[in-house]
Protein backbone atom coordinates (compact mmCIF):
# COMPACT_ATOMS: atom_id res chain seq x y z
CA UNK A 1 2.06 -15.82 3.79
CA UNK A 2 -0.76 -14.46 1.59
CA UNK A 3 -1.18 -10.74 1.13
CA UNK A 4 -3.77 -9.05 3.31
CA UNK A 5 -6.67 -7.09 1.87
CA UNK A 6 -4.90 -3.86 2.83
CA UNK A 7 -1.72 -4.94 1.06
CA UNK A 8 -3.66 -5.86 -2.10
CA UNK A 9 -5.42 -2.49 -1.99
CA UNK A 10 -2.05 -0.78 -1.56
CA UNK A 11 -0.79 -2.54 -4.69
CA UNK A 12 -3.76 -1.12 -6.61
CA UNK A 13 -2.97 2.34 -5.18
CA UNK A 14 0.64 2.00 -6.38
CA UNK A 15 -0.48 0.82 -9.80
CA UNK A 16 -2.91 3.72 -10.25
CA UNK A 17 -0.43 6.31 -8.91
CA UNK A 18 2.36 5.23 -11.25
CA UNK A 19 0.01 5.13 -14.23
CA UNK A 20 -1.12 8.66 -13.36
CA UNK A 21 2.50 9.85 -13.21
CA UNK A 22 3.14 8.33 -16.63
CA UNK A 23 -0.04 9.81 -18.14
CA UNK A 24 0.96 13.25 -16.88
CA UNK A 25 4.40 12.94 -18.43
CA UNK A 26 6.14 12.53 -15.08
CA UNK A 27 9.72 11.46 -14.64
CA UNK A 28 12.00 9.72 -12.14
CA UNK A 29 11.71 12.62 -9.70
CA UNK A 30 7.95 12.12 -9.60
CA UNK A 31 8.43 8.39 -9.06
CA UNK A 32 10.92 9.10 -6.28
CA UNK A 33 8.39 11.41 -4.64
CA UNK A 34 5.91 8.52 -4.53
CA UNK A 35 8.31 6.10 -2.78
CA UNK A 36 7.50 7.20 0.81
CA UNK A 37 3.78 6.58 0.19
CA UNK A 38 4.62 3.21 -1.33
CA UNK A 39 7.00 1.91 1.32
CA UNK A 40 4.66 1.67 4.27
CA UNK A 41 5.61 -0.64 7.14
CA UNK A 42 2.86 -3.07 6.16
CA UNK A 43 4.04 -3.10 2.57
CA UNK A 44 7.67 -3.70 3.56
CA UNK A 45 6.46 -6.77 5.44
CA UNK A 46 4.69 -7.94 2.28
CA UNK A 47 7.89 -7.57 0.27
CA UNK A 48 9.64 -10.01 2.54
CA UNK A 49 6.96 -12.61 2.87
CA UNK A 50 4.89 -12.78 -0.30
CA UNK A 51 7.37 -12.69 -3.18
CA UNK A 52 5.47 -15.16 -5.37
CA UNK A 53 2.18 -13.36 -4.91
CA UNK A 54 3.84 -10.00 -5.55
CA UNK A 55 5.19 -11.40 -8.82
CA UNK A 56 1.66 -12.30 -9.89
CA UNK A 57 0.49 -8.75 -9.16
CA UNK A 58 3.47 -7.31 -11.01
CA UNK A 59 2.47 -9.29 -14.11
CA UNK A 60 -1.13 -8.06 -13.88
CA UNK A 61 -0.50 -4.41 -12.95
CA UNK A 62 2.00 -2.52 -15.09
CA UNK A 63 2.24 0.51 -12.78
CA UNK A 64 3.02 -1.74 -9.83
CA UNK A 65 5.67 -3.59 -11.86
CA UNK A 66 7.29 -0.31 -12.87
CA UNK A 67 7.43 0.89 -9.25
CA UNK A 68 8.90 -2.39 -8.01
CA UNK A 69 11.58 -2.20 -10.70
CA UNK A 70 12.26 1.45 -9.77
CA UNK A 71 12.65 0.55 -6.08
CA UNK A 72 14.93 -2.34 -7.04
CA UNK A 73 17.13 0.03 -9.05
CA UNK A 74 17.33 2.45 -6.13
CA UNK A 75 18.32 -0.40 -3.80
CA UNK A 76 21.01 -1.53 -6.27
CA UNK A 77 22.43 2.00 -6.47
CA UNK A 78 22.52 2.30 -2.67
CA UNK A 79 24.19 -1.09 -2.40
CA UNK A 80 26.80 -0.10 -5.00
CA UNK A 81 27.55 3.11 -3.09
CA UNK A 82 27.90 1.20 0.18
CA UNK A 83 30.37 -1.19 -1.44
CA UNK A 84 32.39 1.75 -2.74
CA UNK A 85 32.45 3.33 0.72
CA UNK A 86 33.55 0.07 2.34
CA UNK A 87 36.57 0.08 0.07
CA UNK A 88 37.38 3.67 0.97
CA UNK A 89 40.32 4.24 3.26
CA UNK A 90 42.30 7.24 4.36
CA UNK A 91 45.38 5.09 4.93
């Protein structure tokens, strides 16, 4: 499914916000603080249904690409922690 106008505008918001963080010398904590504004319900739907189109936007908008990579890294860390916990046993 194609991205809606609102989703495309949200991508531009993400791109501009990340670029602003970088220009101001921000760090991972600043990026993490932006995640709640990024991960709206509508945007989460876009992540699951418009992967090809999102890839095109990531190639065109560096700030958006950086945020998507950051979110992917967070997801990988959470997944790794969950795997560690699944292997945990008190017996």
